[in-house]
Amino acid sequence: MKKIFTAVTGIAIAIAANAQVNVKVHETAEDQPVIAKEIYGQFAEHLGRCIYDGIWVGPDSEIPNIDGYRKDLVEALQTLKVPVLRWPGGCFADEYHWRDGIGPKENRPKMINSNWGGTVEDNSFGTHEFFNLCELLGTEPYLSGNVGSGTVEELAKWIEYITAKGGTMAEMRAANGRKEPWHLKYLGVGNESWGCGGNMTPEFYSDLYKRYATYCRDFDGNILYKVASGATDYDYNWTKVLMDRIGTLMHGVSLHYYTVKGWTGSKGSATEFDIDSYYDVLAKCVEVDEVITKHETIMDVYDPEGEIDLLLDEWGTWFDVEPGTNPGHLYQQNTMRDAMVAALSLNIFHNHAERLKMANIAQIVNVLQAMILTQGNEIVLTPTYHVFRMYNVHQDATYIPLEYKAAEFTSPSGRPMPEISLTASRDSEGNINVSIVNPMVDKAQTVTLDFDELKPENITGEILKSKTVNDYNDFGKAPAVAPAPFTGFKAKKDQLTVTIPAASIVSLTL
């Protein structure tokens, strides 16, 4: 592709002619998978200001709260319809000992969070605080168990404490203020066991998984869905070994994939970037499609019936921290570029709905590609938040196949990326929802949707765009990136023609 714009930070001017894209929408196709709502999952780790100041301020705080949870954050997350929340890590999970986080807060021991900035962790947010939050939000808890530094008995007793109706652990839970057990479906047996979770080989971890999983029992009708600690992005051998050695003793296997420049040296600024860097980041983002496909191909060899799910339980952008903040707290701003990463990724995840049953963006507040940023009494809804809100119509909707040819170009780093991306689904009420991403900063695109039988009517639309792809929302300022009504479409018989402005994300409901 010949770029006909200046690669200067903040310059994103539509100056090329519209591109034409024809899309065949097979809304009558049968036997299509459901897009699991858990693909819109979130992740909260004891890292930086994610838990403390982000989610939890305590009931005595001057910040308006609901039993210690930030009221503004709870309301924003309820709007988002968070289906599942992963906790307490991340790397923190394999150093977390759950008994430190129960009982009177003044008696809870303090520890050094050696993974993330050497901060003192006072354990005031523990098991009760997490599970009560999930109930408040109407979200499914996803517990990350300590395999790296914990014991089999420790994890087994934690499950009993959470889910059993009777016995010593249930009595302990009741003494701490919760008589009835909580529901727990998702249990991660370790985290990143190839790295911060123990630097293990896949063979060693496979045997360890089976030992831990054996003693994590189902109590009183609570059925655990057990997740093995899977690979990091391109480590296909890890998946192969786990599928061979663990097989159906796991319900799912995890995968982590970050849109990151590299793990050494500068990762680049979250806000100060030129157009070449913009396209490099998006091209790295869409490479997740190939990575997921290769892991699924390995899984298909060992599990052709699809009994084991793939869970992308950490993903998102990773840039340098904001200047002046603790490097170990991973606080970064969130621009229109991050919104593009979110939308392009979700479109890809939908295409893998047959095997991919969960994804958890990192992280929910104040860390990496956050939904929300907090500062004192204020919160900011990020561009990524708006994508997740616009896209939540796809949760538990039936996937609709789309047939189209997207033009591709090669990013400056040598990775290919599409010039347009679309996804569609049918919800439980029969509405068809179409989401379209135009990542190109130099041209609008005209998309013609040709349906099998549908005559489009009662169409509503929303658009997310900004003046430049570097724009972000900040405290004390009017939002620079926020959704707006969209009317750039025209229906005629069984077709819908949509003009997508440059560098924008559009959602339509028919």
Protein backbone atom coordinates (compact mmCIF):
# COMPACT_ATOMS: atom_id res chain seq x y z
CA MET A 1 0.00 0.00 0.00
CA LYS A 2 1.30 3.45 -0.87
CA LYS A 3 0.90 5.79 2.08
CA ILE A 4 -0.03 9.30 0.97
CA PHE A 5 0.00 11.00 4.36
CA THR A 6 2.70 12.31 6.62
CA ALA A 7 3.82 9.92 9.38
CA VAL A 8 3.73 12.51 12.15
CA THR A 9 2.24 11.97 15.61
CA GLY A 10 -1.41 13.00 15.64
CA ILE A 11 -1.81 13.26 11.86
CA ALA A 12 -4.68 11.07 10.73
CA ILE A 13 -6.42 12.79 7.81
CA ALA A 14 -8.74 10.98 5.41
CA ILE A 15 -7.40 12.01 2.02
CA ALA A 16 -7.81 8.93 -0.18
CA ALA A 17 -10.85 7.86 -2.16
CA ASN A 18 -13.34 5.46 -0.61
CA ALA A 19 -12.58 1.77 -0.91
CA GLN A 20 -15.43 -0.55 -1.94
CA VAL A 21 -16.01 -3.81 -0.05
CA ASN A 22 -18.77 -6.31 -0.87
CA VAL A 23 -19.89 -8.63 1.92
CA LYS A 24 -22.18 -11.64 1.62
CA VAL A 25 -24.05 -12.12 4.92
CA HIS A 26 -25.17 -15.73 5.39
CA GLU A 27 -27.77 -15.06 8.07
CA THR A 28 -29.67 -18.23 7.11
CA ALA A 29 -26.67 -20.52 7.73
CA GLU A 30 -27.46 -23.34 10.16
CA ASP A 31 -25.46 -25.09 12.89
CA GLN A 32 -23.33 -22.05 13.70
CA PRO A 33 -21.55 -21.75 17.07
CA VAL A 34 -22.60 -19.42 19.84
CA ILE A 35 -20.17 -16.60 20.63
CA ALA A 36 -19.58 -17.37 24.31
CA LYS A 37 -20.24 -14.29 26.43
CA GLU A 38 -17.09 -15.20 28.37
CA ILE A 39 -15.05 -13.97 25.38
CA TYR A 40 -15.83 -10.55 26.90
CA GLY A 41 -14.22 -11.52 30.20
CA GLN A 42 -12.11 -9.26 32.41
CA PHE A 43 -9.00 -9.74 34.54
CA ALA A 44 -8.19 -8.15 37.93
CA GLU A 45 -4.77 -8.75 39.48
CA HIS A 46 -3.18 -7.43 42.64
CA LEU A 47 -1.02 -5.14 40.54
CA GLY A 48 -0.53 -1.41 40.86
CA ARG A 49 -3.85 0.38 41.42
CA CYS A 50 -6.09 -2.29 39.95
CA ILE A 51 -7.50 -3.61 43.22
CA TYR A 52 -6.71 -0.82 45.68
CA ASP A 53 -8.04 2.56 44.51
CA GLY A 54 -9.33 0.94 41.34
CA ILE A 55 -11.93 -1.51 42.65
CA TRP A 56 -11.61 -1.30 46.43
CA VAL A 57 -11.45 1.87 48.53
CA GLY A 58 -12.93 0.44 51.73
CA PRO A 59 -16.26 1.25 53.37
CA ASP A 60 -14.80 4.21 55.33
CA SER A 61 -13.49 6.00 52.24
CA GLU A 62 -14.69 9.49 51.30
CA ILE A 63 -15.00 8.18 47.75
CA PRO A 64 -18.64 7.08 47.25
CA ASN A 65 -18.71 3.31 47.61
CA ILE A 66 -20.92 0.28 47.98
CA ASP A 67 -19.59 -1.72 50.95
CA GLY A 68 -16.06 -0.62 50.01
CA TYR A 69 -16.32 -0.97 46.22
CA ARG A 70 -16.13 2.23 44.19
CA LYS A 71 -19.73 3.11 43.31
CA ASP A 72 -18.83 4.76 39.99
CA LEU A 73 -16.78 1.75 38.92
CA VAL A 74 -19.49 -0.75 39.90
CA GLU A 75 -22.07 1.17 37.87
CA ALA A 76 -19.76 1.39 34.84
CA LEU A 77 -19.02 -2.35 34.99
CA GLN A 78 -22.71 -3.23 35.35
CA THR A 79 -23.33 -1.34 32.10
CA LEU A 80 -20.52 -3.34 30.50
CA LYS A 81 -22.21 -6.67 31.43
CA VAL A 82 -18.98 -8.33 32.58
CA PRO A 83 -19.54 -12.09 32.17
CA VAL A 84 -16.49 -13.43 34.04
CA LEU A 85 -13.72 -11.93 36.18
CA ARG A 86 -10.32 -13.59 36.70
CA TRP A 87 -8.51 -13.06 40.05
CA PRO A 88 -6.05 -12.75 41.92
CA GLY A 89 -3.51 -12.97 39.07
CA GLY A 90 -1.48 -13.24 36.94
CA CYS A 91 1.94 -13.67 38.44
CA PHE A 92 0.58 -12.62 41.83
CA ALA A 93 -1.58 -15.76 41.98
CA ASP A 94 1.37 -18.11 42.50
CA GLU A 95 2.55 -16.12 45.51
CA TYR A 96 -0.91 -15.61 47.00
CA HIS A 97 -1.90 -17.57 50.09
CA TRP A 98 -5.64 -17.31 50.55
CA ARG A 99 -5.71 -17.63 54.34
CA ASP A 100 -3.87 -14.27 54.51
CA GLY A 101 -6.94 -12.63 52.98
CA ILE A 102 -9.74 -13.79 55.29
CA GLY A 103 -10.88 -12.80 58.78
CA PRO A 104 -10.70 -9.38 60.48
CA LYS A 105 -8.73 -6.98 58.31
CA GLU A 106 -6.59 -5.75 61.20
CA ASN A 107 -5.33 -9.32 61.67
CA ARG A 108 -4.43 -10.00 58.05
CA PRO A 109 -0.66 -10.24 57.46
CA LYS A 110 1.12 -7.89 55.08
CA MET A 111 3.40 -9.08 52.29
CA ILE A 112 5.66 -7.58 49.66
CA ASN A 113 4.28 -7.83 46.14
CA SER A 114 7.64 -8.83 44.66
CA ASN A 115 6.26 -9.27 41.15
CA TRP A 116 4.83 -5.79 40.81
CA GLY A 117 6.88 -2.91 42.14
CA GLY A 118 7.67 -4.16 45.63
CA THR A 119 4.44 -2.65 46.96
CA VAL A 120 3.17 -3.69 50.39
CA GLU A 121 0.03 -5.83 50.04
CA ASP A 122 -2.15 -5.62 53.15
CA ASN A 123 -4.60 -8.36 52.07
CA SER A 124 -7.63 -6.19 52.85
CA PHE A 125 -9.13 -7.43 49.59
CA GLY A 126 -9.41 -11.20 49.76
CA THR A 127 -11.74 -14.10 49.07
CA HIS A 128 -14.89 -12.57 50.59
CA GLU A 129 -14.31 -9.21 48.93
CA PHE A 130 -13.77 -10.82 45.52
CA PHE A 131 -16.74 -13.17 45.57
CA ASN A 132 -19.06 -10.51 46.96
CA LEU A 133 -17.94 -8.20 44.13
CA CYS A 134 -18.78 -10.88 41.57
CA GLU A 135 -22.25 -11.23 43.08
CA LEU A 136 -22.70 -7.45 43.01
CA LEU A 137 -21.74 -7.33 39.32
CA GLY A 138 -23.59 -10.52 38.37
CA THR A 139 -20.34 -11.94 36.99
CA GLU A 140 -18.86 -15.46 37.13
CA PRO A 141 -15.72 -15.76 39.30
CA TYR A 142 -12.60 -17.26 37.72
CA LEU A 143 -10.11 -18.24 40.42
CA SER A 144 -6.39 -18.53 39.66
CA GLY A 145 -4.92 -21.13 42.04
CA ASN A 146 -1.44 -21.06 43.56
CA VAL A 147 0.59 -23.93 42.12
CA GLY A 148 3.99 -22.20 42.01
CA SER A 149 4.56 -21.61 45.74
CA GLY A 150 1.47 -23.24 47.23
CA THR A 151 0.54 -26.78 48.14
CA VAL A 152 -2.09 -29.22 46.96
CA GLU A 153 -3.77 -29.09 50.37
CA GLU A 154 -3.83 -25.29 50.34
CA LEU A 155 -5.67 -25.12 47.03
CA ALA A 156 -7.99 -27.98 47.93
CA LYS A 157 -8.96 -26.29 51.20
CA TRP A 158 -9.59 -22.99 49.39
CA ILE A 159 -12.08 -24.69 47.08
CA GLU A 160 -13.77 -26.29 50.10
CA TYR A 161 -13.85 -22.94 51.94
CA ILE A 162 -15.58 -21.30 48.98
CA THR A 163 -18.05 -24.00 47.90
CA ALA A 164 -18.78 -26.51 50.70
CA LYS A 165 -21.98 -26.31 52.77
CA GLY A 166 -20.61 -28.17 55.77
CA GLY A 167 -17.37 -29.12 57.49
CA THR A 168 -14.56 -27.21 59.12
CA MET A 169 -13.88 -24.93 56.15
CA ALA A 170 -17.55 -23.99 55.87
CA GLU A 171 -17.61 -23.22 59.60
CA MET A 172 -14.57 -21.00 59.16
CA ARG A 173 -16.28 -19.18 56.27
CA ALA A 174 -19.42 -18.67 58.36
CA ALA A 175 -17.36 -17.31 61.25
CA ASN A 176 -15.94 -14.77 58.77
CA GLY A 177 -19.43 -13.59 57.82
CA ARG A 178 -20.60 -15.84 54.98
CA LYS A 179 -22.84 -18.76 55.91
CA GLU A 180 -23.91 -19.87 52.42
CA PRO A 181 -21.24 -21.09 49.98
CA TRP A 182 -20.45 -19.15 46.84
CA HIS A 183 -20.70 -20.58 43.36
CA LEU A 184 -17.37 -21.21 41.63
CA LYS A 185 -17.18 -22.60 38.12
CA TYR A 186 -13.79 -21.64 36.70
CA LEU A 187 -10.57 -22.76 38.41
CA GLY A 188 -7.18 -22.04 36.89
CA VAL A 189 -4.62 -24.57 38.09
CA GLY A 190 -1.62 -22.25 38.16
CA ASN A 191 -0.68 -19.34 35.92
CA GLU A 192 2.13 -18.99 33.38
CA SER A 193 3.79 -22.07 34.81
CA TRP A 194 6.43 -21.79 32.09
CA GLY A 195 7.55 -18.46 33.63
CA CYS A 196 6.61 -16.49 36.75
CA GLY A 197 4.44 -19.41 37.89
CA GLY A 198 7.42 -21.70 38.47
CA ASN A 199 9.66 -21.84 35.35
CA MET A 200 8.49 -25.38 34.68
CA THR A 201 8.74 -27.62 31.65
CA PRO A 202 5.43 -28.66 30.08
CA GLU A 203 6.11 -32.27 31.04
CA PHE A 204 6.65 -31.40 34.70
CA TYR A 205 3.64 -29.10 34.79
CA SER A 206 1.39 -31.73 33.19
CA ASP A 207 2.09 -34.16 36.03
CA LEU A 208 1.70 -31.40 38.62
CA TYR A 209 -1.61 -30.32 37.09
CA LYS A 210 -3.03 -33.83 37.42
CA ARG A 211 -2.02 -33.98 41.06
CA TYR A 212 -3.54 -30.61 41.95
CA ALA A 213 -6.68 -31.12 39.87
CA THR A 214 -7.34 -34.49 41.50
CA TYR A 215 -7.71 -32.94 44.94
CA CYS A 216 -9.78 -29.94 43.86
CA ARG A 217 -13.15 -31.54 44.58
CA ASP A 218 -16.73 -30.73 43.63
CA PHE A 219 -18.71 -29.93 46.79
CA ASP A 220 -22.49 -29.90 47.23
CA GLY A 221 -23.45 -29.55 43.59
CA ASN A 222 -20.74 -27.04 42.66
CA ILE A 223 -19.03 -28.40 39.52
CA LEU A 224 -15.55 -27.09 38.76
CA TYR A 225 -14.38 -26.29 35.25
CA LYS A 226 -10.61 -26.80 35.48
CA VAL A 227 -8.21 -24.81 33.32
CA ALA A 228 -4.62 -25.86 32.71
CA SER A 229 -1.93 -23.18 32.58
CA GLY A 230 -1.28 -23.00 28.86
CA ALA A 231 1.20 -21.50 26.47
CA THR A 232 2.52 -18.04 25.80
CA ASP A 233 1.77 -16.93 22.23
CA TYR A 234 4.09 -18.92 19.90
CA ASP A 235 4.99 -21.85 22.20
CA TYR A 236 3.09 -24.54 20.32
CA ASN A 237 5.06 -27.34 21.95
CA TRP A 238 3.56 -26.43 25.35
CA THR A 239 0.05 -26.98 23.97
CA LYS A 240 1.11 -30.23 22.31
CA VAL A 241 2.55 -31.67 25.52
CA LEU A 242 -0.46 -30.67 27.63
CA MET A 243 -2.93 -32.12 25.13
CA ASP A 244 -0.91 -35.35 25.02
CA ARG A 245 -0.31 -35.74 28.76
CA ILE A 246 -3.38 -34.17 30.37
CA GLY A 247 -6.07 -34.54 27.73
CA THR A 248 -9.65 -34.49 28.96
CA LEU A 249 -8.58 -34.28 32.62
CA MET A 250 -8.73 -30.54 31.86
CA HIS A 251 -11.84 -28.75 30.64
CA GLY A 252 -9.86 -25.94 29.08
CA VAL A 253 -6.32 -24.85 28.36
CA SER A 254 -5.24 -21.23 28.54
CA LEU A 255 -3.24 -19.08 26.13
CA HIS A 256 -1.65 -15.66 26.67
CA TYR A 257 -1.02 -13.19 23.86
CA TYR A 258 -0.06 -9.55 24.28
CA THR A 259 0.17 -6.89 21.61
CA VAL A 260 3.64 -5.77 22.65
CA LYS A 261 6.65 -4.50 20.71
CA GLY A 262 9.03 -6.76 22.63
CA TRP A 263 9.90 -7.87 26.14
CA THR A 264 13.24 -6.07 26.34
CA GLY A 265 13.87 -2.36 25.93
CA SER A 266 11.21 0.24 25.28
CA LYS A 267 7.71 -0.96 24.44
CA GLY A 268 6.79 2.45 23.04
CA SER A 269 4.54 5.16 24.35
CA ALA A 270 0.82 4.54 24.74
CA THR A 271 0.02 8.02 23.42
CA GLU A 272 3.03 9.49 21.59
CA PHE A 273 3.33 7.43 18.41
CA ASP A 274 3.51 8.00 14.68
CA ILE A 275 1.46 6.33 11.97
CA ASP A 276 4.04 3.63 11.28
CA SER A 277 3.91 2.63 14.93
CA TYR A 278 0.11 2.70 14.80
CA TYR A 279 0.04 0.17 11.97
CA ASP A 280 2.78 -1.96 13.52
CA VAL A 281 0.72 -2.33 16.70
CA LEU A 282 -2.45 -3.26 14.79
CA ALA A 283 -0.56 -5.78 12.65
CA LYS A 284 0.87 -7.42 15.79
CA CYS A 285 -2.64 -7.48 17.23
CA VAL A 286 -4.23 -9.32 14.28
CA GLU A 287 -1.42 -11.89 14.29
CA VAL A 288 -3.35 -13.47 17.17
CA ASP A 289 -5.58 -15.03 14.50
CA GLU A 290 -2.70 -17.15 13.21
CA VAL A 291 -1.55 -17.97 16.75
CA ILE A 292 -5.00 -19.17 17.83
CA THR A 293 -5.37 -21.19 14.63
CA LYS A 294 -2.08 -23.01 15.19
CA HIS A 295 -2.93 -23.88 18.80
CA GLU A 296 -6.39 -25.05 17.72
CA THR A 297 -4.86 -27.23 15.01
CA ILE A 298 -2.75 -29.01 17.64
CA MET A 299 -5.81 -29.40 19.86
CA ASP A 300 -7.79 -30.87 16.96
CA VAL A 301 -5.24 -33.68 16.57
CA TYR A 302 -5.67 -34.83 20.18
CA ASP A 303 -9.28 -33.76 20.65
CA PRO A 304 -11.15 -33.96 17.32
CA GLU A 305 -14.53 -33.84 19.11
CA GLY A 306 -13.73 -30.46 20.65
CA GLU A 307 -14.21 -31.49 24.27
CA ILE A 308 -11.39 -29.23 25.53
CA ASP A 309 -11.82 -25.47 25.21
CA LEU A 310 -9.22 -22.81 24.47
CA LEU A 311 -9.20 -19.81 26.81
CA LEU A 312 -7.25 -16.67 25.93
CA ASP A 313 -7.26 -15.54 29.54
CA GLU A 314 -4.70 -12.74 29.12
CA TRP A 315 -4.55 -10.42 26.11
CA GLY A 316 -4.28 -6.74 25.25
CA THR A 317 -1.78 -3.96 24.58
CA TRP A 318 1.37 -3.46 26.62
CA PHE A 319 3.27 -0.18 26.35
CA ASP A 320 5.69 1.78 28.53
CA VAL A 321 4.14 3.07 31.75
CA GLU A 322 3.04 6.69 31.93
CA PRO A 323 5.93 9.01 32.88
CA GLY A 324 6.29 9.49 36.63
CA THR A 325 4.46 6.30 37.61
CA ASN A 326 5.90 3.17 39.23
CA PRO A 327 7.32 0.94 36.44
CA GLY A 328 6.00 -2.11 38.28
CA HIS A 329 2.41 -0.82 38.31
CA LEU A 330 1.89 -0.98 34.51
CA TYR A 331 -0.30 2.12 34.35
CA GLN A 332 -0.79 3.24 30.75
CA GLN A 333 -3.15 5.56 28.94
CA ASN A 334 -5.62 4.26 26.36
CA THR A 335 -6.10 5.82 22.93
CA MET A 336 -8.17 5.28 19.82
CA ARG A 337 -5.40 2.88 18.79
CA ASP A 338 -6.27 0.68 21.79
CA ALA A 339 -9.91 0.76 20.75
CA MET A 340 -8.86 -0.52 17.33
CA VAL A 341 -6.88 -3.35 18.96
CA ALA A 342 -9.91 -4.31 21.05
CA ALA A 343 -12.35 -4.32 18.13
CA LEU A 344 -10.03 -6.13 15.70
CA SER A 345 -9.28 -8.74 18.38
CA LEU A 346 -12.93 -9.35 19.24
CA ASN A 347 -13.78 -9.78 15.55
CA ILE A 348 -11.07 -12.45 15.35
CA PHE A 349 -12.25 -14.16 18.54
CA HIS A 350 -15.75 -14.51 17.08
CA ASN A 351 -14.29 -16.40 14.13
CA HIS A 352 -12.91 -18.99 16.58
CA ALA A 353 -16.13 -19.38 18.58
CA GLU A 354 -16.17 -23.14 17.97
CA ARG A 355 -13.15 -23.73 20.24
CA LEU A 356 -12.41 -20.36 21.92
CA LYS A 357 -14.74 -20.12 24.92
CA MET A 358 -13.22 -17.34 27.00
CA ALA A 359 -10.94 -14.31 26.71
CA ASN A 360 -9.87 -11.99 29.55
CA ILE A 361 -8.44 -8.61 28.63
CA ALA A 362 -5.66 -7.28 30.85
CA GLN A 363 -6.83 -5.51 32.91
CA ILE A 364 -10.11 -4.16 34.20
CA VAL A 365 -8.91 -0.88 35.80
CA ASN A 366 -5.68 1.17 36.00
CA VAL A 367 -3.44 -1.54 34.50
CA LEU A 368 -2.41 -2.09 30.85
CA GLN A 369 -5.37 -1.93 28.42
CA ALA A 370 -7.87 -0.96 31.09
CA MET A 371 -11.60 -0.38 30.75
CA ILE A 372 -11.48 2.35 33.40
CA LEU A 373 -8.93 4.71 34.93
CA THR A 374 -9.37 6.22 38.39
CA GLN A 375 -7.96 9.27 40.14
CA GLY A 376 -9.36 10.31 43.50
CA ASN A 377 -13.09 10.82 43.11
CA GLU A 378 -12.93 10.70 39.31
CA ILE A 379 -13.06 7.89 36.79
CA VAL A 380 -12.40 7.88 33.05
CA LEU A 381 -14.05 5.47 30.63
CA THR A 382 -11.39 4.54 28.10
CA PRO A 383 -11.84 4.00 24.34
CA THR A 384 -11.49 0.26 25.02
CA TYR A 385 -14.41 0.45 27.48
CA HIS A 386 -16.59 1.92 24.74
CA VAL A 387 -15.71 -0.91 22.35
CA PHE A 388 -16.65 -3.52 24.94
CA ARG A 389 -19.93 -1.71 25.63
CA MET A 390 -20.76 -1.38 21.90
CA TYR A 391 -19.87 -5.03 21.31
CA ASN A 392 -21.69 -6.62 24.26
CA VAL A 393 -24.65 -7.29 21.94
CA HIS A 394 -22.59 -10.23 20.61
CA GLN A 395 -22.47 -11.99 24.00
CA ASP A 396 -24.08 -15.44 23.70
CA ALA A 397 -25.33 -14.56 20.20
CA THR A 398 -25.20 -16.97 17.26
CA TYR A 399 -22.27 -16.44 14.92
CA ILE A 400 -23.19 -15.40 11.36
CA PRO A 401 -20.67 -16.30 8.62
CA LEU A 402 -19.55 -13.42 6.42
CA GLU A 403 -18.01 -13.84 3.00
CA TYR A 404 -15.79 -10.98 1.83
CA LYS A 405 -12.30 -10.25 0.63
CA ALA A 406 -10.43 -7.66 2.65
CA ALA A 407 -7.52 -5.92 1.00
CA GLU A 408 -4.27 -6.37 2.91
CA PHE A 409 -1.10 -4.38 3.22
CA THR A 410 2.21 -4.99 4.97
CA SER A 411 2.98 -2.92 8.05
CA PRO A 412 6.39 -1.26 8.42
CA SER A 413 7.47 -4.18 10.66
CA GLY A 414 6.67 -6.66 7.88
CA ARG A 415 3.42 -8.10 9.23
CA PRO A 416 0.31 -8.24 7.06
CA MET A 417 -2.96 -6.69 8.23
CA PRO A 418 -6.42 -6.29 6.71
CA GLU A 419 -7.75 -2.91 5.63
CA ILE A 420 -11.18 -3.72 7.04
CA SER A 421 -12.66 -6.22 9.50
CA LEU A 422 -16.29 -7.28 10.08
CA THR A 423 -18.24 -9.58 12.36
CA ALA A 424 -21.94 -10.39 12.71
CA SER A 425 -24.25 -12.33 15.00
CA ARG A 426 -27.93 -12.93 15.73
CA ASP A 427 -29.09 -12.32 19.31
CA SER A 428 -31.82 -14.12 21.26
CA GLU A 429 -34.44 -11.62 20.07
CA GLY A 430 -33.64 -12.22 16.41
CA ASN A 431 -31.79 -8.94 15.85
CA ILE A 432 -28.72 -9.04 13.63
CA ASN A 433 -25.74 -7.10 14.97
CA VAL A 434 -22.91 -6.14 12.64
CA SER A 435 -19.64 -4.57 13.83
CA ILE A 436 -17.23 -3.05 11.33
CA VAL A 437 -13.68 -1.80 11.90
CA ASN A 438 -11.93 0.52 9.47
CA PRO A 439 -8.37 0.86 10.80
CA MET A 440 -7.13 2.90 7.83
CA VAL A 441 -6.33 6.49 8.72
CA ASP A 442 -6.24 7.69 5.11
CA LYS A 443 -9.56 6.54 3.64
CA ALA A 444 -13.19 5.88 4.28
CA GLN A 445 -14.63 2.56 3.12
CA THR A 446 -18.00 1.79 1.58
CA VAL A 447 -19.31 -1.63 2.62
CA THR A 448 -22.24 -3.28 0.86
CA LEU A 449 -23.87 -6.01 2.95
CA ASP A 450 -25.79 -8.47 0.77
CA PHE A 451 -28.11 -10.72 2.82
CA ASP A 452 -29.39 -14.20 1.98
CA GLU A 453 -33.04 -13.33 2.67
CA LEU A 454 -33.21 -10.47 5.14
CA LYS A 455 -34.70 -7.12 4.11
CA PRO A 456 -32.87 -4.75 6.48
CA GLU A 457 -35.13 -2.42 8.47
CA ASN A 458 -35.33 -0.67 11.85
CA ILE A 459 -31.60 -0.02 11.68
CA THR A 460 -29.73 1.78 14.45
CA GLY A 461 -26.05 2.54 14.54
CA GLU A 462 -23.21 3.81 16.71
CA ILE A 463 -19.75 4.99 15.78
CA LEU A 464 -16.52 5.37 17.76
CA LYS A 465 -13.92 7.70 16.28
CA SER A 466 -11.79 10.68 17.19
CA LYS A 467 -9.88 13.51 15.55
CA THR A 468 -6.63 11.53 15.65
CA VAL A 469 -5.76 7.97 16.56
CA ASN A 470 -3.59 9.38 19.39
CA ASP A 471 -6.63 10.82 21.20
CA TYR A 472 -7.45 9.58 24.69
CA ASN A 473 -9.81 10.44 27.52
CA ASP A 474 -8.29 12.18 30.52
CA PHE A 475 -9.33 13.45 33.92
CA GLY A 476 -10.95 16.87 34.09
CA LYS A 477 -11.49 17.05 30.33
CA ALA A 478 -14.37 16.34 28.00
CA PRO A 479 -13.99 12.88 26.43
CA ALA A 480 -11.96 12.96 23.22
CA VAL A 481 -13.16 9.45 22.28
CA ALA A 482 -16.81 8.59 22.86
CA PRO A 483 -19.55 6.79 20.90
CA ALA A 484 -22.03 8.79 18.85
CA PRO A 485 -25.13 7.91 16.82
CA PHE A 486 -24.35 6.73 13.29
CA THR A 487 -26.60 7.17 10.26
CA GLY A 488 -24.16 6.62 7.40
CA PHE A 489 -26.11 3.75 5.84
CA LYS A 490 -28.82 3.16 3.26
CA ALA A 491 -31.07 0.08 2.93
CA LYS A 492 -32.41 -1.16 -0.39
CA LYS A 493 -34.19 -4.51 -0.80
CA ASP A 494 -31.84 -7.17 0.60
CA GLN A 495 -28.80 -4.90 0.75
CA LEU A 496 -27.38 -2.41 3.20
CA THR A 497 -24.71 0.05 2.10
CA VAL A 498 -22.59 1.57 4.84
CA THR A 499 -19.93 4.26 4.57
CA ILE A 500 -17.33 3.77 7.30
CA PRO A 501 -15.20 6.86 7.99
CA ALA A 502 -11.45 6.54 8.28
CA ALA A 503 -10.11 5.15 11.57
CA SER A 504 -13.51 4.32 13.02
CA ILE A 505 -15.53 1.49 14.55
CA VAL A 506 -19.22 1.11 13.67
CA SER A 507 -21.87 -1.12 15.21
CA LEU A 508 -25.25 -1.68 13.56
CA THR A 509 -28.37 -3.40 14.83
CA LEU A 510 -30.92 -4.60 12.27
